[in-house]
Protein backbone atom coordinates (compact mmCIF):
# COMPACT_ATOMS: atom_id res chain seq x y z
CA MET A 1 0.00 0.00 0.00
CA ILE A 2 1.18 3.54 -0.76
CA HIS A 3 0.41 6.33 1.68
CA ILE A 4 -1.17 9.39 0.06
CA PRO A 5 -1.12 12.51 2.28
CA ALA A 6 -4.16 14.72 2.73
CA ALA A 7 -4.55 17.13 -0.16
CA ILE A 8 -6.71 19.59 -2.03
CA PHE A 9 -6.85 19.05 -5.78
CA GLN A 10 -8.83 20.07 -8.82
CA MET A 11 -10.93 17.10 -9.93
CA GLY A 12 -12.36 16.66 -13.40
CA THR A 13 -12.12 18.75 -16.55
CA PRO A 14 -12.96 22.43 -17.18
CA THR A 15 -16.11 22.72 -19.25
CA ALA A 16 -14.29 25.06 -21.61
CA GLU A 17 -11.93 22.22 -22.54
CA LEU A 18 -14.61 19.92 -23.95
CA GLU A 19 -14.49 21.24 -27.50
CA ARG A 20 -10.70 20.86 -27.68
CA LEU A 21 -10.91 17.31 -26.34
CA MET A 22 -13.65 16.39 -28.79
CA GLN A 23 -11.50 17.54 -31.66
CA ARG A 24 -8.37 15.85 -30.33
CA TYR A 25 -10.05 12.47 -29.88
CA GLY A 26 -12.49 12.66 -32.79
CA ILE A 27 -15.60 12.66 -30.60
CA ARG A 28 -18.90 13.84 -32.00
CA HIS A 29 -21.01 13.60 -28.87
CA ALA A 30 -20.11 15.73 -25.86
CA ASP A 31 -22.05 13.44 -23.52
CA LEU A 32 -19.00 11.13 -23.42
CA LEU A 33 -17.02 13.86 -21.68
CA ALA A 34 -19.72 15.87 -19.91
CA PRO A 35 -19.68 13.62 -16.78
CA GLU A 36 -16.13 14.78 -16.00
CA THR A 37 -17.24 18.42 -15.78
CA PRO A 38 -17.23 20.86 -14.14
CA ARG A 39 -13.75 20.89 -12.67
CA HIS A 40 -14.02 21.48 -8.93
CA ALA A 41 -11.88 21.58 -5.80
CA VAL A 42 -11.85 18.44 -3.64
CA HIS A 43 -10.41 18.07 -0.14
CA LEU A 44 -9.14 14.55 0.61
CA SER A 45 -8.07 13.12 3.92
CA ALA A 46 -4.96 10.97 3.95
CA PHE A 47 -5.50 7.46 2.58
CA GLU A 48 -3.60 4.43 1.37
CA ILE A 49 -3.99 2.79 -2.01
CA ALA A 50 -2.54 -0.42 -3.41
CA ARG A 51 0.51 -0.15 -5.62
CA TYR A 52 -1.02 -2.70 -8.02
CA PRO A 53 -4.48 -4.02 -8.91
CA VAL A 54 -5.48 -7.25 -7.16
CA THR A 55 -4.06 -10.26 -9.00
CA ASN A 56 -5.57 -13.65 -9.76
CA ALA A 57 -3.27 -15.25 -7.20
CA GLU A 58 -4.38 -12.86 -4.49
CA PHE A 59 -8.04 -13.35 -5.34
CA ALA A 60 -7.53 -17.14 -5.32
CA ALA A 61 -6.34 -16.94 -1.70
CA PHE A 62 -9.56 -15.09 -0.87
CA VAL A 63 -11.92 -17.61 -2.50
CA GLN A 64 -10.04 -20.49 -0.88
CA GLU A 65 -10.59 -18.98 2.56
CA CYS A 66 -14.10 -17.74 1.73
CA PRO A 67 -15.64 -20.61 -0.28
CA GLN A 68 -18.97 -18.83 -0.63
CA TRP A 69 -17.22 -16.73 -3.29
CA GLN A 70 -16.12 -19.73 -5.34
CA PRO A 71 -17.72 -19.79 -8.81
CA ARG A 72 -19.75 -22.94 -8.24
CA ARG A 73 -21.22 -21.60 -5.00
CA LEU A 74 -21.91 -17.94 -5.78
CA SER A 75 -25.60 -17.15 -6.20
CA ARG A 76 -26.62 -16.21 -9.74
CA ARG A 77 -28.31 -13.20 -8.19
CA LEU A 78 -24.82 -11.77 -7.70
CA HIS A 79 -23.33 -12.20 -11.18
CA ASN A 80 -24.12 -12.30 -14.88
CA GLY A 81 -23.00 -15.89 -15.46
CA ASP A 82 -19.38 -15.09 -16.30
CA TYR A 83 -17.93 -14.93 -12.79
CA LEU A 84 -14.28 -16.14 -12.93
CA LYS A 85 -15.01 -17.86 -16.25
CA HIS A 86 -11.29 -17.79 -17.09
CA TRP A 87 -10.57 -20.13 -14.15
CA PRO A 88 -11.07 -23.74 -15.35
CA ASP A 89 -12.82 -25.79 -12.65
CA GLY A 90 -12.82 -22.68 -10.46
CA ARG A 91 -9.03 -22.64 -10.08
CA CYS A 92 -6.64 -19.85 -11.04
CA PRO A 93 -4.39 -20.90 -13.97
CA ALA A 94 -0.73 -20.52 -13.04
CA ARG A 95 -0.02 -18.51 -16.19
CA PHE A 96 -2.45 -15.82 -15.03
CA ALA A 97 -1.30 -15.68 -11.40
CA ASP A 98 0.33 -12.26 -11.68
CA HIS A 99 -2.28 -10.81 -14.03
CA PRO A 100 -5.00 -8.58 -12.56
CA VAL A 101 -8.10 -10.56 -11.67
CA VAL A 102 -11.01 -9.97 -14.06
CA TYR A 103 -14.45 -11.53 -14.53
CA VAL A 104 -15.31 -10.33 -11.04
CA THR A 105 -18.27 -8.35 -9.81
CA TRP A 106 -18.26 -5.15 -7.78
CA HIS A 107 -19.75 -7.20 -4.93
CA ALA A 108 -16.86 -9.67 -5.07
CA ALA A 109 -14.35 -6.83 -5.20
CA LEU A 110 -15.84 -5.30 -2.08
CA ALA A 111 -15.96 -8.68 -0.34
CA TYR A 112 -12.27 -9.22 -1.11
CA ALA A 113 -11.42 -5.76 0.19
CA HIS A 114 -13.31 -6.38 3.44
CA TRP A 115 -11.58 -9.74 3.85
CA ALA A 116 -8.22 -8.03 3.40
CA GLY A 117 -9.08 -5.33 5.95
CA ARG A 118 -9.39 -2.72 3.23
CA ARG A 119 -12.01 -1.18 0.95
CA LEU A 120 -12.38 0.09 -2.59
CA PRO A 121 -11.11 3.60 -3.35
CA THR A 122 -13.59 6.38 -3.81
CA GLU A 123 -13.64 7.93 -7.26
CA ALA A 124 -11.99 11.09 -5.94
CA GLU A 125 -9.20 9.10 -4.27
CA TRP A 126 -8.65 7.11 -7.44
CA GLU A 127 -8.33 10.21 -9.62
CA TYR A 128 -5.97 11.99 -7.24
CA ALA A 129 -3.81 8.87 -6.98
CA ALA A 130 -3.81 8.44 -10.76
CA ARG A 131 -2.60 12.01 -11.24
CA GLY A 132 0.57 11.10 -9.36
CA GLY A 133 1.33 14.65 -8.27
CA LEU A 134 0.81 16.14 -11.75
CA PRO A 135 -2.26 18.31 -11.15
CA ASP A 136 -2.98 19.25 -14.76
CA ALA A 137 -1.61 16.26 -16.67
CA GLU A 138 -3.91 14.32 -18.96
CA PHE A 139 -2.44 10.89 -18.20
CA PRO A 140 -0.70 9.37 -15.15
CA TRP A 141 2.69 9.97 -16.79
CA GLY A 142 2.01 13.50 -18.10
CA ASP A 143 0.57 15.02 -21.27
CA GLU A 144 2.37 12.85 -23.82
CA PRO A 145 -0.07 10.64 -25.73
CA PRO A 146 -0.24 6.93 -24.91
CA ASP A 147 1.99 4.48 -26.71
CA PRO A 148 2.72 0.75 -26.18
CA SER A 149 5.67 1.54 -23.91
CA ARG A 150 3.42 3.31 -21.40
CA ALA A 151 0.25 1.21 -21.15
CA ASN A 152 -1.63 -1.88 -22.28
CA TYR A 153 -4.48 -0.59 -24.44
CA ALA A 154 -5.92 -1.37 -27.86
CA ALA A 155 -2.96 0.01 -29.80
CA SER A 156 -0.57 -2.20 -27.80
CA GLY A 157 -1.96 -5.19 -29.69
CA LEU A 158 -1.91 -7.61 -26.74
CA GLY A 159 -5.65 -8.18 -26.81
CA ALA A 160 -5.76 -9.29 -23.17
CA THR A 161 -4.41 -8.48 -19.72
CA CYS A 162 -0.70 -8.54 -18.95
CA PRO A 163 1.10 -8.98 -15.60
CA VAL A 164 0.66 -6.12 -13.16
CA GLY A 165 3.56 -3.69 -13.01
CA SER A 166 4.57 -4.24 -16.63
CA TYR A 167 4.76 -0.49 -17.33
CA PRO A 168 6.44 2.41 -15.50
CA PRO A 169 4.73 3.76 -12.35
CA ASN A 170 3.41 7.28 -11.91
CA GLY A 171 4.77 9.90 -9.54
CA PHE A 172 3.20 8.19 -6.50
CA ARG A 173 4.89 4.89 -7.44
CA LEU A 174 1.53 3.39 -8.45
CA TYR A 175 1.20 1.05 -11.41
CA ASP A 176 -1.42 0.31 -14.06
CA LEU A 177 -3.65 3.34 -13.57
CA ALA A 178 -4.02 3.66 -17.34
CA GLY A 179 -4.94 0.59 -19.35
CA ASN A 180 -4.74 -3.15 -18.64
CA ILE A 181 -8.06 -3.17 -16.73
CA TRP A 182 -10.81 -0.80 -15.76
CA GLU A 183 -10.96 -0.53 -11.96
CA PHE A 184 -14.10 -0.55 -9.83
CA CYS A 185 -14.51 2.37 -7.42
CA LEU A 186 -16.72 2.49 -4.35
CA ASP A 187 -19.05 5.13 -5.76
CA ARG A 188 -22.46 4.77 -7.36
CA TRP A 189 -22.47 6.12 -10.92
CA GLN A 190 -24.07 9.56 -11.32
CA ALA A 191 -23.33 11.27 -14.61
CA ASP A 192 -24.04 14.72 -13.16
CA TYR A 193 -22.38 14.13 -9.80
CA TYR A 194 -19.72 16.83 -10.19
CA ALA A 195 -22.38 19.54 -10.38
CA HIS A 196 -23.40 18.94 -6.76
CA SER A 197 -20.75 16.74 -5.10
CA PRO A 198 -19.49 17.61 -1.61
CA THR A 199 -16.16 19.39 -1.30
CA ALA A 200 -14.66 17.13 1.37
CA ASN A 201 -14.06 13.41 0.76
CA PRO A 202 -16.88 13.03 -1.76
CA HIS A 203 -18.40 9.65 -2.47
CA ALA A 204 -21.55 9.18 -4.51
CA GLY A 205 -24.52 7.26 -3.21
CA ASP A 206 -24.62 4.24 -0.96
CA CYS A 207 -20.91 3.84 -0.38
CA TRP A 208 -20.45 2.80 3.22
CA PHE A 209 -21.96 -0.54 4.16
CA ALA A 210 -22.52 -2.46 7.39
CA GLY A 211 -22.25 -6.23 7.29
CA ASP A 212 -23.25 -7.70 3.95
CA GLU A 213 -25.51 -4.85 2.81
CA TYR A 214 -23.35 -4.37 -0.28
CA ARG A 215 -24.70 -7.65 -1.67
CA TYR A 216 -28.02 -5.92 -2.35
CA VAL A 217 -26.58 -3.06 -4.39
CA THR A 218 -27.99 -2.99 -7.93
CA THR A 219 -26.99 0.48 -9.13
CA ARG A 220 -24.16 0.95 -11.62
CA ARG A 221 -20.73 1.67 -10.13
CA VAL A 222 -17.93 3.94 -11.29
CA ILE A 223 -15.01 2.40 -13.18
CA ARG A 224 -11.78 4.21 -14.02
CA GLY A 225 -8.57 3.84 -16.02
CA GLY A 226 -9.42 2.15 -19.30
CA SER A 227 -8.38 -1.36 -20.31
CA TRP A 228 -6.41 -3.50 -22.73
CA GLY A 229 -9.16 -2.93 -25.29
CA GLY A 230 -9.59 0.79 -24.68
CA SER A 231 -8.74 3.92 -26.59
CA PRO A 232 -6.46 6.79 -25.51
CA LEU A 233 -9.59 8.70 -24.45
CA ASN A 234 -10.34 6.08 -21.79
CA LEU A 235 -6.82 6.23 -20.36
CA ARG A 236 -7.14 9.88 -19.31
CA VAL A 237 -7.05 10.41 -15.54
CA ALA A 238 -10.31 12.41 -15.65
CA TYR A 239 -12.34 10.02 -17.80
CA ARG A 240 -15.36 8.47 -16.08
CA ASP A 241 -17.38 5.40 -16.98
CA SER A 242 -19.69 2.92 -15.26
CA HIS A 243 -20.39 -0.79 -15.00
CA PRO A 244 -23.21 -2.88 -13.48
CA PRO A 245 -22.28 -4.27 -10.04
CA ASP A 246 -23.04 -7.84 -11.11
CA GLY A 247 -21.19 -7.47 -14.41
CA CYS A 248 -18.25 -9.81 -14.99
CA GLY A 249 -16.03 -9.14 -17.97
CA PRO A 250 -12.47 -9.64 -19.20
CA HIS A 251 -11.70 -5.93 -18.89
CA VAL A 252 -12.77 -4.95 -15.33
CA GLY A 253 -10.96 -5.58 -12.04
CA PHE A 254 -10.02 -3.51 -8.98
CA ARG A 255 -7.41 -2.37 -6.49
CA CYS A 256 -7.83 -1.73 -2.78
CA ALA A 257 -7.59 1.33 -0.58
CA HIS A 258 -7.52 1.95 3.16
CA SER A 259 -8.25 4.77 5.57
CA PRO A 260 -5.43 5.01 8.14
CA PRO A 261 -6.47 5.57 11.74
CA ARG A 262 -6.74 9.19 12.75
CA ILE A 263 -4.62 10.20 15.73
């Protein structure tokens, strides 16, 4: 885990920038970018975030200790039928051990985080961490456009996940915040959230859960970072998207976060 000190940062994209971005990325519909506006100040308390996304090997340790999350035992109410479909007979293939786990649900991600004594990052925490100390940069590494030496995305030609940490880290020494997999955040998806979000430690919707209440969540959740099949647009630190909580796909995983005790 990497400690991120308390900070104030400018989250999102200035509305005045939308036209330039549409031209740069060949976008005809502004609604793809509108959810990341307006840019606004956010106050974050100190937090910790994982250096890497959770791997298949790490998730395998969780399902071994918590058998209710094994594919053959998980209720169909909690997934779309593709949960851990890349694990033959419900076991993690050795060749994928150090790849980020995919084909997981938001519920399973949260269950893993609770088991590990952690949680999922809020969307605001994720974006600040992805910026890596570069407040106005477009990508975790700066403003230079993506290329196959910086991230695993569509133009890299891999067509699948690759081992975590395969590309250089950002300024906070965090890996894989652009490409490889989309990452679930804690927040409920609200396209217009930035227009009315709180200033301090924002988190959208039903984010904090007691016991197993998270199992009953049905609203779409925020995902960030783009994936191995994504475009440069998706890899931007400000880009927002969403995914159903029971959705399992080859392009969505997660990393953990933690709130350190306050003294």
